[in-house]
């Protein structure tokens, strides 16, 4: 067996035995967030799902991150799973960034020296908004950083990943994401992939391995 194949198999086996702990914690506005906690590293990562997903949808990515030494917290936003909070029934106006901030602060209060956030779809917007509303250096890096708030106010290193033909009822998403990327402060990176898969659906395409590799590089690069 080649060294590369052996190493890959080792990561798969490590991921397969990762223990998961169900936890909950409060938000600053009186919400209660349910989450899955993986690993014990001192580098924390919050995983923030999109509208068609939930905390369990990140299990494969969480296991890969744990195998690389990260402590991972996958949350359910208010109104999803057992998470609750103000305005949870008003999807367009709910303060989802408060759920992200609560997750970041949970990891920091439990030993994480750095915390980054990886978000998909509206979870990516919440991640960006959380960076903007956070204390400086509270969130180290943020992926999916297309915020609802002004992108030039991002306080974290940012990574944007989007499929070129990804679109919704208003048309292609790329122009809007590119505009936000251009306003975001350095350091930042934009990756445009072929196809039309949206956010976490990229993990169901041939781009899955590359997306995971880009995430690992982004989270690990000094």
N, C-alpha and C. Protein backbone atom coordinates (compact mmCIF):
# COMPACT_ATOMS: atom_id res chain seq x y z
N UNK A 1 0.85 -1.20 0.00
CA UNK A 1 0.00 0.00 0.00
C UNK A 1 0.87 1.24 0.00
N UNK A 2 0.58 2.21 -0.86
CA UNK A 2 1.39 3.43 -0.93
C UNK A 2 1.26 4.23 0.35
N UNK A 3 2.29 5.10 0.60
CA UNK A 3 2.27 5.93 1.81
C UNK A 3 1.08 6.87 1.80
N UNK A 4 0.75 7.43 0.61
CA UNK A 4 -0.37 8.36 0.50
C UNK A 4 -1.68 7.65 0.80
N UNK A 5 -1.85 6.46 0.21
CA UNK A 5 -3.08 5.72 0.44
C UNK A 5 -3.20 5.32 1.90
N UNK A 6 -2.05 4.93 2.49
CA UNK A 6 -2.05 4.55 3.89
C UNK A 6 -2.44 5.72 4.79
N UNK A 7 -1.89 6.91 4.48
CA UNK A 7 -2.23 8.10 5.26
C UNK A 7 -3.70 8.44 5.14
N UNK A 8 -4.23 8.33 3.90
CA UNK A 8 -5.64 8.62 3.68
C UNK A 8 -6.52 7.66 4.46
N UNK A 9 -6.13 6.38 4.46
CA UNK A 9 -6.90 5.38 5.21
C UNK A 9 -6.85 5.69 6.70
N UNK A 10 -5.68 6.16 7.17
CA UNK A 10 -5.56 6.52 8.57
C UNK A 10 -6.51 7.63 8.95
N UNK A 11 -6.66 8.64 8.09
CA UNK A 11 -7.59 9.73 8.37
C UNK A 11 -9.02 9.24 8.39
N UNK A 12 -9.35 8.33 7.46
CA UNK A 12 -10.71 7.79 7.41
C UNK A 12 -11.01 7.03 8.69
N UNK A 13 -10.06 6.20 9.14
CA UNK A 13 -10.28 5.42 10.35
C UNK A 13 -10.38 6.32 11.57
N UNK A 14 -9.53 7.37 11.61
CA UNK A 14 -9.59 8.31 12.73
C UNK A 14 -10.94 9.00 12.78
N UNK A 15 -11.44 9.39 11.58
CA UNK A 15 -12.73 10.07 11.52
C UNK A 15 -13.85 9.15 11.98
N UNK A 16 -13.72 7.87 11.65
CA UNK A 16 -14.80 6.94 11.95
C UNK A 16 -15.02 6.74 13.45
N UNK A 17 -13.98 6.98 14.26
CA UNK A 17 -14.11 6.72 15.69
C UNK A 17 -14.22 8.02 16.50
N UNK A 18 -14.38 9.15 15.84
CA UNK A 18 -14.50 10.41 16.56
C UNK A 18 -15.75 10.42 17.44
N UNK A 19 -15.56 10.74 18.71
CA UNK A 19 -16.69 10.82 19.63
C UNK A 19 -17.41 12.15 19.44
N UNK A 20 -18.72 12.11 19.60
CA UNK A 20 -19.55 13.31 19.47
C UNK A 20 -20.32 13.51 20.75
N UNK A 21 -20.38 14.75 21.22
CA UNK A 21 -21.10 15.07 22.45
C UNK A 21 -22.19 16.08 22.14
N UNK A 22 -23.41 15.80 22.57
CA UNK A 22 -24.52 16.73 22.40
C UNK A 22 -24.51 17.74 23.54
N UNK A 23 -24.51 19.03 23.20
CA UNK A 23 -24.45 20.08 24.21
C UNK A 23 -25.48 21.15 23.89
N UNK A 24 -25.64 22.10 24.81
CA UNK A 24 -26.46 23.28 24.54
C UNK A 24 -25.88 24.44 25.33
N UNK A 25 -26.15 25.66 24.88
CA UNK A 25 -25.64 26.85 25.54
C UNK A 25 -26.56 28.02 25.19
N UNK A 26 -26.46 29.08 25.96
CA UNK A 26 -27.34 30.23 25.81
C UNK A 26 -26.72 31.29 24.90
N UNK A 27 -27.58 32.08 24.26
CA UNK A 27 -27.14 33.22 23.48
C UNK A 27 -27.35 34.50 24.27
N UNK A 28 -26.73 35.59 23.82
CA UNK A 28 -26.82 36.84 24.57
C UNK A 28 -28.23 37.43 24.57
N UNK A 29 -29.09 37.00 23.62
CA UNK A 29 -30.45 37.53 23.56
C UNK A 29 -31.49 36.55 24.09
N UNK A 30 -31.05 35.58 24.89
CA UNK A 30 -31.98 34.68 25.56
C UNK A 30 -32.33 33.42 24.80
N UNK A 31 -31.64 33.14 23.71
CA UNK A 31 -31.86 31.91 22.96
C UNK A 31 -31.14 30.74 23.59
N UNK A 32 -31.43 29.54 23.09
CA UNK A 32 -30.78 28.32 23.54
C UNK A 32 -30.39 27.53 22.31
N UNK A 33 -29.10 27.26 22.16
CA UNK A 33 -28.57 26.60 20.97
C UNK A 33 -28.20 25.16 21.29
N UNK A 34 -28.67 24.23 20.46
CA UNK A 34 -28.26 22.83 20.55
C UNK A 34 -27.14 22.59 19.54
N UNK A 35 -26.14 21.82 19.93
CA UNK A 35 -24.98 21.64 19.07
C UNK A 35 -24.34 20.28 19.31
N UNK A 36 -23.53 19.86 18.35
CA UNK A 36 -22.73 18.64 18.47
C UNK A 36 -21.27 19.06 18.58
N UNK A 37 -20.57 18.52 19.56
CA UNK A 37 -19.17 18.86 19.82
C UNK A 37 -18.30 17.65 19.50
N UNK A 38 -17.25 17.89 18.73
CA UNK A 38 -16.33 16.84 18.31
C UNK A 38 -14.90 17.24 18.67
N UNK A 39 -14.10 16.27 19.12
CA UNK A 39 -12.67 16.50 19.28
C UNK A 39 -12.29 17.28 20.52
N UNK A 40 -10.95 17.44 20.70
CA UNK A 40 -10.43 18.07 21.91
C UNK A 40 -9.29 19.04 21.62
N UNK A 41 -9.07 19.42 20.38
CA UNK A 41 -7.97 20.32 20.06
C UNK A 41 -8.18 21.71 20.60
N UNK A 42 -7.10 22.52 20.61
CA UNK A 42 -7.23 23.90 21.10
C UNK A 42 -7.48 24.90 19.98
N UNK A 43 -7.64 24.39 18.75
CA UNK A 43 -8.08 25.24 17.63
C UNK A 43 -9.54 24.91 17.34
N UNK A 44 -10.43 25.86 17.60
CA UNK A 44 -11.85 25.61 17.46
C UNK A 44 -12.39 26.00 16.10
N UNK A 45 -13.39 25.26 15.65
CA UNK A 45 -14.11 25.57 14.41
C UNK A 45 -15.60 25.42 14.66
N UNK A 46 -16.36 26.47 14.35
CA UNK A 46 -17.82 26.41 14.39
C UNK A 46 -18.32 26.13 12.98
N UNK A 47 -19.23 25.16 12.84
CA UNK A 47 -19.84 24.82 11.55
C UNK A 47 -21.29 25.30 11.57
N UNK A 48 -21.62 26.18 10.62
CA UNK A 48 -22.93 26.84 10.59
C UNK A 48 -23.67 26.43 9.31
N UNK A 49 -24.74 25.69 9.46
CA UNK A 49 -25.43 25.06 8.33
C UNK A 49 -26.27 26.05 7.51
N UNK A 50 -26.66 25.61 6.32
CA UNK A 50 -27.58 26.35 5.47
C UNK A 50 -29.02 25.96 5.73
N UNK A 51 -29.94 26.59 5.00
CA UNK A 51 -31.36 26.44 5.25
C UNK A 51 -31.92 25.05 5.03
N UNK A 52 -31.32 24.26 4.17
CA UNK A 52 -31.81 22.90 3.90
C UNK A 52 -31.04 21.86 4.70
N UNK A 53 -30.24 22.31 5.64
CA UNK A 53 -29.38 21.40 6.38
C UNK A 53 -29.57 21.58 7.88
N UNK A 54 -28.79 20.84 8.67
CA UNK A 54 -28.82 20.94 10.12
C UNK A 54 -27.44 20.58 10.64
N UNK A 55 -27.28 20.55 11.94
CA UNK A 55 -25.96 20.28 12.51
C UNK A 55 -25.42 18.91 12.11
N UNK A 56 -26.31 17.93 11.96
CA UNK A 56 -25.85 16.59 11.59
C UNK A 56 -25.27 16.54 10.18
N UNK A 57 -25.64 17.48 9.33
CA UNK A 57 -25.17 17.47 7.94
C UNK A 57 -23.67 17.70 7.83
N UNK A 58 -23.04 18.19 8.91
CA UNK A 58 -21.60 18.47 8.90
C UNK A 58 -20.77 17.30 9.41
N UNK A 59 -21.38 16.16 9.71
CA UNK A 59 -20.65 15.11 10.42
C UNK A 59 -19.37 14.68 9.69
N UNK A 60 -19.43 14.47 8.40
CA UNK A 60 -18.24 14.02 7.67
C UNK A 60 -17.14 15.08 7.73
N UNK A 61 -17.51 16.34 7.52
CA UNK A 61 -16.51 17.41 7.55
C UNK A 61 -15.95 17.59 8.97
N UNK A 62 -16.82 17.46 9.97
CA UNK A 62 -16.36 17.57 11.36
C UNK A 62 -15.33 16.49 11.67
N UNK A 63 -15.59 15.27 11.23
CA UNK A 63 -14.65 14.18 11.48
C UNK A 63 -13.31 14.42 10.81
N UNK A 64 -13.34 14.96 9.59
CA UNK A 64 -12.09 15.28 8.90
C UNK A 64 -11.32 16.35 9.65
N UNK A 65 -12.00 17.38 10.12
CA UNK A 65 -11.35 18.45 10.86
C UNK A 65 -10.76 17.94 12.18
N UNK A 66 -11.49 17.06 12.87
CA UNK A 66 -10.97 16.50 14.11
C UNK A 66 -9.71 15.69 13.84
N UNK A 67 -9.68 14.94 12.75
CA UNK A 67 -8.50 14.16 12.40
C UNK A 67 -7.29 15.05 12.14
N UNK A 68 -7.54 16.33 11.83
CA UNK A 68 -6.46 17.29 11.62
C UNK A 68 -6.16 18.11 12.87
N UNK A 69 -6.77 17.76 13.98
CA UNK A 69 -6.43 18.38 15.25
C UNK A 69 -7.33 19.50 15.72
N UNK A 70 -8.47 19.72 15.06
CA UNK A 70 -9.39 20.78 15.46
C UNK A 70 -10.45 20.26 16.43
N UNK A 71 -10.95 21.16 17.27
CA UNK A 71 -12.15 20.90 18.06
C UNK A 71 -13.30 21.55 17.31
N UNK A 72 -14.36 20.82 17.06
CA UNK A 72 -15.41 21.26 16.14
C UNK A 72 -16.75 21.32 16.86
N UNK A 73 -17.48 22.41 16.62
CA UNK A 73 -18.82 22.56 17.17
C UNK A 73 -19.78 22.85 16.01
N UNK A 74 -20.67 21.90 15.72
CA UNK A 74 -21.69 22.07 14.68
C UNK A 74 -23.00 22.44 15.36
N UNK A 75 -23.54 23.59 15.02
CA UNK A 75 -24.74 24.08 15.72
C UNK A 75 -25.99 23.93 14.86
N UNK A 76 -27.13 23.90 15.54
CA UNK A 76 -28.43 24.11 14.91
C UNK A 76 -28.84 25.54 15.20
N UNK A 77 -29.17 26.30 14.17
CA UNK A 77 -29.65 27.67 14.37
C UNK A 77 -31.01 27.66 15.06
N UNK A 78 -31.36 28.78 15.68
CA UNK A 78 -32.68 28.93 16.31
C UNK A 78 -33.77 28.61 15.28
N UNK A 79 -34.74 27.82 15.71
CA UNK A 79 -35.80 27.40 14.80
C UNK A 79 -35.51 26.09 14.10
N UNK A 80 -34.28 25.55 14.28
CA UNK A 80 -33.89 24.25 13.72
C UNK A 80 -33.60 23.30 14.88
N UNK A 81 -33.98 22.03 14.70
CA UNK A 81 -33.74 21.06 15.76
C UNK A 81 -34.36 21.53 17.06
N UNK A 82 -33.58 21.45 18.15
CA UNK A 82 -34.10 21.89 19.45
C UNK A 82 -33.63 23.29 19.82
N UNK A 83 -33.01 24.01 18.88
CA UNK A 83 -32.55 25.37 19.17
C UNK A 83 -33.71 26.36 19.10
N UNK A 84 -33.69 27.32 20.02
CA UNK A 84 -34.75 28.32 20.09
C UNK A 84 -34.14 29.70 20.29
N UNK A 85 -34.94 30.73 20.00
CA UNK A 85 -34.48 32.08 20.23
C UNK A 85 -35.43 33.10 19.67
N UNK A 86 -35.28 34.36 20.07
CA UNK A 86 -36.14 35.43 19.56
C UNK A 86 -36.14 35.49 18.03
N UNK A 87 -37.31 35.74 17.46
CA UNK A 87 -37.51 35.88 16.02
C UNK A 87 -37.23 34.61 15.23
N UNK A 88 -37.24 33.45 15.89
CA UNK A 88 -36.92 32.22 15.16
C UNK A 88 -37.92 31.92 14.05
N UNK A 89 -39.14 32.44 14.15
CA UNK A 89 -40.14 32.21 13.11
C UNK A 89 -40.05 33.24 11.99
N UNK A 90 -39.22 34.24 12.15
CA UNK A 90 -39.05 35.31 11.16
C UNK A 90 -37.69 35.13 10.49
N UNK A 91 -37.63 34.17 9.56
CA UNK A 91 -36.34 33.74 9.00
C UNK A 91 -35.55 34.91 8.43
N UNK A 92 -36.19 35.84 7.77
CA UNK A 92 -35.47 36.92 7.10
C UNK A 92 -34.87 37.94 8.08
N UNK A 93 -35.35 37.96 9.31
CA UNK A 93 -34.89 38.96 10.27
C UNK A 93 -34.33 38.38 11.56
N UNK A 94 -34.30 37.07 11.68
CA UNK A 94 -33.78 36.46 12.90
C UNK A 94 -32.29 36.77 13.06
N UNK A 95 -31.84 37.06 14.28
CA UNK A 95 -30.42 37.38 14.51
C UNK A 95 -29.57 36.12 14.64
N UNK A 96 -29.42 35.40 13.53
CA UNK A 96 -28.68 34.15 13.55
C UNK A 96 -27.22 34.33 13.96
N UNK A 97 -26.70 35.54 13.75
CA UNK A 97 -25.31 35.79 14.14
C UNK A 97 -25.11 35.61 15.65
N UNK A 98 -26.18 35.82 16.43
CA UNK A 98 -26.07 35.62 17.88
C UNK A 98 -25.82 34.16 18.23
N UNK A 99 -26.37 33.25 17.42
CA UNK A 99 -26.13 31.82 17.64
C UNK A 99 -24.67 31.48 17.34
N UNK A 100 -24.13 32.07 16.27
CA UNK A 100 -22.72 31.84 15.93
C UNK A 100 -21.82 32.39 17.02
N UNK A 101 -22.10 33.60 17.47
CA UNK A 101 -21.27 34.21 18.52
C UNK A 101 -21.31 33.39 19.80
N UNK A 102 -22.48 32.86 20.14
CA UNK A 102 -22.58 32.03 21.34
C UNK A 102 -21.74 30.76 21.19
N UNK A 103 -21.72 30.19 19.99
CA UNK A 103 -20.90 29.00 19.75
C UNK A 103 -19.41 29.32 19.85
N UNK A 104 -19.01 30.45 19.27
CA UNK A 104 -17.61 30.88 19.35
C UNK A 104 -17.20 31.05 20.81
N UNK A 105 -18.04 31.70 21.58
CA UNK A 105 -17.71 31.99 22.99
C UNK A 105 -17.73 30.72 23.84
N UNK A 106 -18.58 29.76 23.47
CA UNK A 106 -18.57 28.47 24.17
C UNK A 106 -17.21 27.80 23.98
N UNK A 107 -16.72 27.75 22.75
CA UNK A 107 -15.43 27.11 22.50
C UNK A 107 -14.31 27.84 23.22
N UNK A 108 -14.32 29.15 23.17
CA UNK A 108 -13.26 29.92 23.83
C UNK A 108 -13.29 29.73 25.35
N UNK A 109 -14.47 29.65 25.91
CA UNK A 109 -14.57 29.48 27.36
C UNK A 109 -14.23 28.06 27.80
N UNK A 110 -14.09 27.16 26.83
CA UNK A 110 -13.75 25.77 27.14
C UNK A 110 -12.41 25.36 26.55
N UNK A 111 -11.51 26.32 26.43
CA UNK A 111 -10.12 25.99 26.14
C UNK A 111 -9.61 26.25 24.74
N UNK A 112 -10.47 26.64 23.80
CA UNK A 112 -9.99 26.91 22.44
C UNK A 112 -9.20 28.22 22.43
N UNK A 113 -8.00 28.19 21.88
CA UNK A 113 -7.17 29.38 21.81
C UNK A 113 -7.53 30.25 20.61
N UNK A 114 -7.97 29.63 19.55
CA UNK A 114 -8.49 30.34 18.39
C UNK A 114 -9.79 29.69 17.96
N UNK A 115 -10.68 30.47 17.36
CA UNK A 115 -11.94 29.93 16.84
C UNK A 115 -12.23 30.55 15.48
N UNK A 116 -12.51 29.69 14.51
CA UNK A 116 -12.91 30.12 13.17
C UNK A 116 -14.32 29.60 12.90
N UNK A 117 -14.97 30.16 11.88
CA UNK A 117 -16.34 29.76 11.55
C UNK A 117 -16.41 29.39 10.08
N UNK A 118 -17.01 28.25 9.79
CA UNK A 118 -17.28 27.81 8.41
C UNK A 118 -18.79 27.76 8.25
N UNK A 119 -19.32 28.55 7.32
CA UNK A 119 -20.77 28.61 7.13
C UNK A 119 -21.18 28.33 5.71
N UNK A 120 -22.39 27.80 5.54
CA UNK A 120 -22.94 27.56 4.23
C UNK A 120 -24.25 28.30 4.05
N UNK A 121 -24.44 28.96 2.90
CA UNK A 121 -25.67 29.66 2.58
C UNK A 121 -25.98 30.70 3.66
N UNK A 122 -27.21 30.68 4.24
CA UNK A 122 -27.51 31.71 5.24
C UNK A 122 -26.60 31.56 6.46
N UNK A 123 -26.07 30.35 6.68
CA UNK A 123 -25.10 30.16 7.76
C UNK A 123 -23.81 30.89 7.49
N UNK A 124 -23.46 31.03 6.20
CA UNK A 124 -22.29 31.82 5.83
C UNK A 124 -22.52 33.30 6.07
N UNK A 125 -23.73 33.76 5.78
CA UNK A 125 -24.07 35.15 6.06
C UNK A 125 -24.04 35.42 7.56
N UNK A 126 -24.57 34.48 8.35
CA UNK A 126 -24.54 34.62 9.80
C UNK A 126 -23.11 34.63 10.31
N UNK A 127 -22.25 33.82 9.69
CA UNK A 127 -20.84 33.81 10.08
C UNK A 127 -20.20 35.17 9.83
N UNK A 128 -20.48 35.76 8.65
CA UNK A 128 -19.95 37.07 8.35
C UNK A 128 -20.47 38.13 9.30
N UNK A 129 -21.77 38.10 9.58
CA UNK A 129 -22.35 39.07 10.51
C UNK A 129 -21.76 38.91 11.91
N UNK A 130 -21.51 37.66 12.29
CA UNK A 130 -20.90 37.41 13.61
C UNK A 130 -19.50 38.01 13.68
N UNK A 131 -18.74 37.88 12.59
CA UNK A 131 -17.41 38.49 12.56
C UNK A 131 -17.50 40.00 12.75
N UNK A 132 -18.46 40.62 12.07
CA UNK A 132 -18.62 42.07 12.15
C UNK A 132 -19.02 42.51 13.56
N UNK A 133 -19.87 41.73 14.22
CA UNK A 133 -20.36 42.09 15.55
C UNK A 133 -19.45 41.60 16.67
N UNK A 134 -18.45 40.80 16.34
CA UNK A 134 -17.57 40.23 17.36
C UNK A 134 -16.58 41.26 17.89
N UNK A 135 -15.96 40.90 19.00
CA UNK A 135 -14.82 41.66 19.48
C UNK A 135 -13.64 41.36 18.56
N UNK A 136 -12.73 42.32 18.42
CA UNK A 136 -11.58 42.11 17.54
C UNK A 136 -10.78 40.90 18.02
N UNK A 137 -10.42 40.05 17.07
CA UNK A 137 -9.65 38.82 17.28
C UNK A 137 -10.46 37.72 17.98
N UNK A 138 -11.74 37.95 18.18
CA UNK A 138 -12.57 36.90 18.79
C UNK A 138 -12.80 35.76 17.79
N UNK A 139 -13.02 36.10 16.51
CA UNK A 139 -13.15 35.10 15.45
C UNK A 139 -11.94 35.23 14.53
N UNK A 140 -11.16 34.18 14.47
CA UNK A 140 -9.89 34.22 13.73
C UNK A 140 -10.11 34.26 12.23
N UNK A 141 -10.95 33.35 11.70
CA UNK A 141 -11.18 33.24 10.26
C UNK A 141 -12.65 32.90 10.02
N UNK A 142 -13.13 33.30 8.87
CA UNK A 142 -14.53 33.02 8.55
C UNK A 142 -14.65 32.64 7.08
N UNK A 143 -15.26 31.48 6.82
CA UNK A 143 -15.53 31.01 5.46
C UNK A 143 -17.03 31.10 5.23
N UNK A 144 -17.38 31.58 4.02
CA UNK A 144 -18.78 31.83 3.74
C UNK A 144 -19.14 33.21 4.26
N UNK A 145 -18.22 34.16 4.01
CA UNK A 145 -18.25 35.44 4.71
C UNK A 145 -19.15 36.48 4.06
N UNK A 146 -20.14 36.07 3.26
CA UNK A 146 -21.02 37.01 2.58
C UNK A 146 -22.07 37.54 3.56
N UNK A 147 -21.77 38.61 4.29
CA UNK A 147 -22.66 39.05 5.37
C UNK A 147 -23.85 39.85 4.89
N UNK A 148 -24.84 39.98 5.75
CA UNK A 148 -25.93 40.92 5.50
C UNK A 148 -25.49 42.33 5.84
N UNK A 149 -24.61 42.46 6.83
CA UNK A 149 -24.04 43.74 7.22
C UNK A 149 -22.92 44.11 6.25
N UNK A 150 -22.42 45.35 6.28
CA UNK A 150 -21.39 45.79 5.32
C UNK A 150 -20.12 44.94 5.39
N UNK A 151 -19.72 44.39 4.24
CA UNK A 151 -18.57 43.48 4.20
C UNK A 151 -17.26 44.15 4.56
N UNK A 152 -17.19 45.47 4.40
CA UNK A 152 -15.94 46.16 4.74
C UNK A 152 -15.71 46.21 6.26
N UNK A 153 -16.71 45.77 7.03
CA UNK A 153 -16.59 45.76 8.49
C UNK A 153 -16.17 44.40 9.04
N UNK A 154 -15.93 43.42 8.16
CA UNK A 154 -15.46 42.11 8.62
C UNK A 154 -14.19 42.27 9.44
N UNK A 155 -14.09 41.53 10.54
CA UNK A 155 -12.93 41.62 11.41
C UNK A 155 -12.03 40.39 11.31
N UNK A 156 -12.38 39.45 10.45
CA UNK A 156 -11.66 38.18 10.38
C UNK A 156 -11.10 37.96 8.98
N UNK A 157 -10.03 37.21 8.89
CA UNK A 157 -9.56 36.71 7.60
C UNK A 157 -10.71 35.95 6.95
N UNK A 158 -10.93 36.12 5.64
CA UNK A 158 -12.14 35.57 5.04
C UNK A 158 -11.85 34.76 3.78
N UNK A 159 -12.69 33.75 3.57
CA UNK A 159 -12.65 32.90 2.38
C UNK A 159 -14.06 32.79 1.83
N UNK A 160 -14.20 33.06 0.54
CA UNK A 160 -15.48 32.94 -0.16
C UNK A 160 -15.33 31.80 -1.17
N UNK A 161 -16.25 30.84 -1.18
CA UNK A 161 -16.27 29.77 -2.17
C UNK A 161 -17.65 29.73 -2.80
N UNK A 162 -17.72 29.79 -4.13
CA UNK A 162 -19.02 29.82 -4.81
C UNK A 162 -18.90 29.11 -6.16
N UNK A 163 -19.97 28.44 -6.57
CA UNK A 163 -20.02 27.84 -7.90
C UNK A 163 -20.48 28.91 -8.90
N UNK A 164 -19.87 28.91 -10.06
CA UNK A 164 -20.09 29.96 -11.04
C UNK A 164 -21.55 30.11 -11.44
N UNK A 165 -22.28 29.01 -11.56
CA UNK A 165 -23.67 29.05 -12.01
C UNK A 165 -24.67 28.95 -10.85
N UNK A 166 -24.20 29.04 -9.64
CA UNK A 166 -25.10 29.02 -8.48
C UNK A 166 -26.06 30.20 -8.58
N UNK A 167 -27.37 29.93 -8.43
CA UNK A 167 -28.34 31.01 -8.60
C UNK A 167 -29.57 30.75 -7.73
N UNK A 168 -30.37 31.80 -7.56
CA UNK A 168 -31.66 31.68 -6.89
C UNK A 168 -32.69 32.45 -7.71
N UNK A 169 -33.85 32.75 -7.16
CA UNK A 169 -34.90 33.42 -7.91
C UNK A 169 -34.50 34.79 -8.41
N UNK A 170 -33.51 35.40 -7.76
CA UNK A 170 -33.05 36.74 -8.17
C UNK A 170 -31.96 36.69 -9.22
N UNK A 171 -31.50 35.47 -9.56
CA UNK A 171 -30.45 35.35 -10.56
C UNK A 171 -29.17 34.77 -9.99
N UNK A 172 -28.05 34.85 -10.74
CA UNK A 172 -26.78 34.29 -10.28
C UNK A 172 -26.30 34.94 -8.98
N UNK A 173 -25.74 34.12 -8.09
CA UNK A 173 -25.23 34.64 -6.82
C UNK A 173 -23.82 35.23 -6.94
N UNK A 174 -23.07 34.80 -7.94
CA UNK A 174 -21.67 35.20 -8.04
C UNK A 174 -21.45 36.72 -8.05
N UNK A 175 -22.20 37.50 -8.84
CA UNK A 175 -21.94 38.95 -8.84
C UNK A 175 -22.05 39.59 -7.46
N UNK A 176 -23.06 39.21 -6.70
CA UNK A 176 -23.22 39.78 -5.37
C UNK A 176 -22.12 39.34 -4.42
N UNK A 177 -21.74 38.07 -4.50
CA UNK A 177 -20.67 37.56 -3.64
C UNK A 177 -19.34 38.20 -4.02
N UNK A 178 -19.10 38.37 -5.32
CA UNK A 178 -17.86 39.02 -5.74
C UNK A 178 -17.81 40.47 -5.24
N UNK A 179 -18.95 41.15 -5.27
CA UNK A 179 -19.00 42.53 -4.80
C UNK A 179 -18.67 42.60 -3.31
N UNK A 180 -19.20 41.65 -2.54
CA UNK A 180 -18.88 41.63 -1.12
C UNK A 180 -17.42 41.29 -0.89
N UNK A 181 -16.91 40.35 -1.67
CA UNK A 181 -15.49 39.99 -1.56
C UNK A 181 -14.61 41.21 -1.81
N UNK A 182 -14.94 41.98 -2.83
CA UNK A 182 -14.11 43.15 -3.16
C UNK A 182 -14.12 44.19 -2.04
N UNK A 183 -15.21 44.25 -1.28
CA UNK A 183 -15.29 45.22 -0.18
C UNK A 183 -14.61 44.70 1.09
N UNK A 184 -14.48 43.39 1.22
CA UNK A 184 -13.92 42.81 2.43
C UNK A 184 -12.46 43.21 2.60
N UNK A 185 -12.02 43.43 3.82
CA UNK A 185 -10.61 43.78 4.06
C UNK A 185 -9.70 42.57 3.85
N UNK A 186 -8.45 42.83 3.57
CA UNK A 186 -7.44 41.77 3.50
C UNK A 186 -7.13 41.27 4.92
N UNK A 187 -6.64 40.02 5.04
CA UNK A 187 -6.45 39.01 3.99
C UNK A 187 -7.77 38.31 3.64
N UNK A 188 -7.91 37.97 2.38
CA UNK A 188 -9.14 37.36 1.89
C UNK A 188 -8.83 36.55 0.64
N UNK A 189 -9.76 35.65 0.29
CA UNK A 189 -9.59 34.83 -0.90
C UNK A 189 -10.95 34.46 -1.46
N UNK A 190 -11.08 34.49 -2.77
CA UNK A 190 -12.30 34.08 -3.46
C UNK A 190 -11.98 32.92 -4.38
N UNK A 191 -12.75 31.83 -4.26
CA UNK A 191 -12.60 30.65 -5.12
C UNK A 191 -13.91 30.45 -5.87
N UNK A 192 -13.83 30.44 -7.20
CA UNK A 192 -15.00 30.22 -8.05
C UNK A 192 -14.85 28.86 -8.71
N UNK A 193 -15.80 27.98 -8.46
CA UNK A 193 -15.78 26.63 -9.00
C UNK A 193 -16.77 26.48 -10.15
N UNK A 194 -16.54 25.52 -11.01
CA UNK A 194 -17.49 25.24 -12.09
C UNK A 194 -18.74 24.60 -11.50
N UNK A 195 -19.86 24.75 -12.23
CA UNK A 195 -21.09 24.10 -11.81
C UNK A 195 -22.07 25.05 -11.16
N UNK A 196 -23.13 24.48 -10.58
CA UNK A 196 -24.21 25.29 -10.02
C UNK A 196 -24.56 24.91 -8.58
N UNK A 197 -23.78 24.03 -7.96
CA UNK A 197 -24.10 23.57 -6.60
C UNK A 197 -24.00 24.72 -5.61
N UNK A 198 -24.96 24.78 -4.70
CA UNK A 198 -25.01 25.87 -3.73
C UNK A 198 -24.49 25.43 -2.37
N UNK A 199 -23.50 26.16 -1.86
CA UNK A 199 -23.02 26.02 -0.49
C UNK A 199 -22.70 24.56 -0.15
N UNK A 200 -23.34 23.99 0.90
CA UNK A 200 -23.00 22.64 1.33
C UNK A 200 -23.27 21.57 0.28
N UNK A 201 -24.09 21.88 -0.72
CA UNK A 201 -24.31 20.92 -1.80
C UNK A 201 -23.03 20.67 -2.58
N UNK A 202 -22.03 21.54 -2.45
CA UNK A 202 -20.73 21.31 -3.10
C UNK A 202 -20.09 20.01 -2.60
N UNK A 203 -20.40 19.61 -1.38
CA UNK A 203 -19.85 18.37 -0.85
C UNK A 203 -20.49 17.13 -1.48
N UNK A 204 -21.51 17.33 -2.30
CA UNK A 204 -22.14 16.23 -3.03
C UNK A 204 -21.73 16.21 -4.49
N UNK A 205 -20.68 16.96 -4.83
CA UNK A 205 -20.20 17.04 -6.21
C UNK A 205 -18.76 16.56 -6.29
N UNK A 206 -18.22 16.59 -7.53
CA UNK A 206 -16.82 16.22 -7.73
C UNK A 206 -15.86 17.23 -7.11
N UNK A 207 -16.39 18.37 -6.66
CA UNK A 207 -15.54 19.38 -6.02
C UNK A 207 -15.34 19.12 -4.53
N UNK A 208 -15.97 18.08 -3.99
CA UNK A 208 -15.98 17.88 -2.54
C UNK A 208 -14.58 17.83 -1.95
N UNK A 209 -13.69 17.05 -2.57
CA UNK A 209 -12.34 16.91 -2.02
C UNK A 209 -11.59 18.23 -2.07
N UNK A 210 -11.75 18.97 -3.17
CA UNK A 210 -11.05 20.25 -3.27
C UNK A 210 -11.58 21.25 -2.23
N UNK A 211 -12.91 21.29 -2.07
CA UNK A 211 -13.48 22.22 -1.11
C UNK A 211 -12.95 21.92 0.29
N UNK A 212 -12.91 20.64 0.67
CA UNK A 212 -12.40 20.28 1.99
C UNK A 212 -10.94 20.64 2.11
N UNK A 213 -10.17 20.43 1.06
CA UNK A 213 -8.75 20.78 1.08
C UNK A 213 -8.56 22.28 1.24
N UNK A 214 -9.38 23.07 0.54
CA UNK A 214 -9.29 24.52 0.65
C UNK A 214 -9.64 24.98 2.07
N UNK A 215 -10.64 24.33 2.67
CA UNK A 215 -11.01 24.67 4.04
C UNK A 215 -9.86 24.38 5.00
N UNK A 216 -9.24 23.21 4.85
CA UNK A 216 -8.13 22.85 5.72
C UNK A 216 -6.94 23.80 5.56
N UNK A 217 -6.65 24.15 4.31
CA UNK A 217 -5.55 25.10 4.08
C UNK A 217 -5.87 26.46 4.70
N UNK A 218 -7.10 26.91 4.52
CA UNK A 218 -7.53 28.20 5.04
C UNK A 218 -7.43 28.24 6.57
N UNK A 219 -7.86 27.17 7.21
CA UNK A 219 -7.87 27.13 8.67
C UNK A 219 -6.47 26.93 9.25
N UNK A 220 -5.57 26.35 8.47
CA UNK A 220 -4.25 25.97 8.99
C UNK A 220 -3.14 26.94 8.64
N UNK A 221 -3.33 27.73 7.57
CA UNK A 221 -2.26 28.61 7.10
C UNK A 221 -1.97 29.70 8.13
N UNK A 222 -0.70 29.93 8.47
CA UNK A 222 -0.35 30.97 9.43
C UNK A 222 -0.79 32.35 8.98
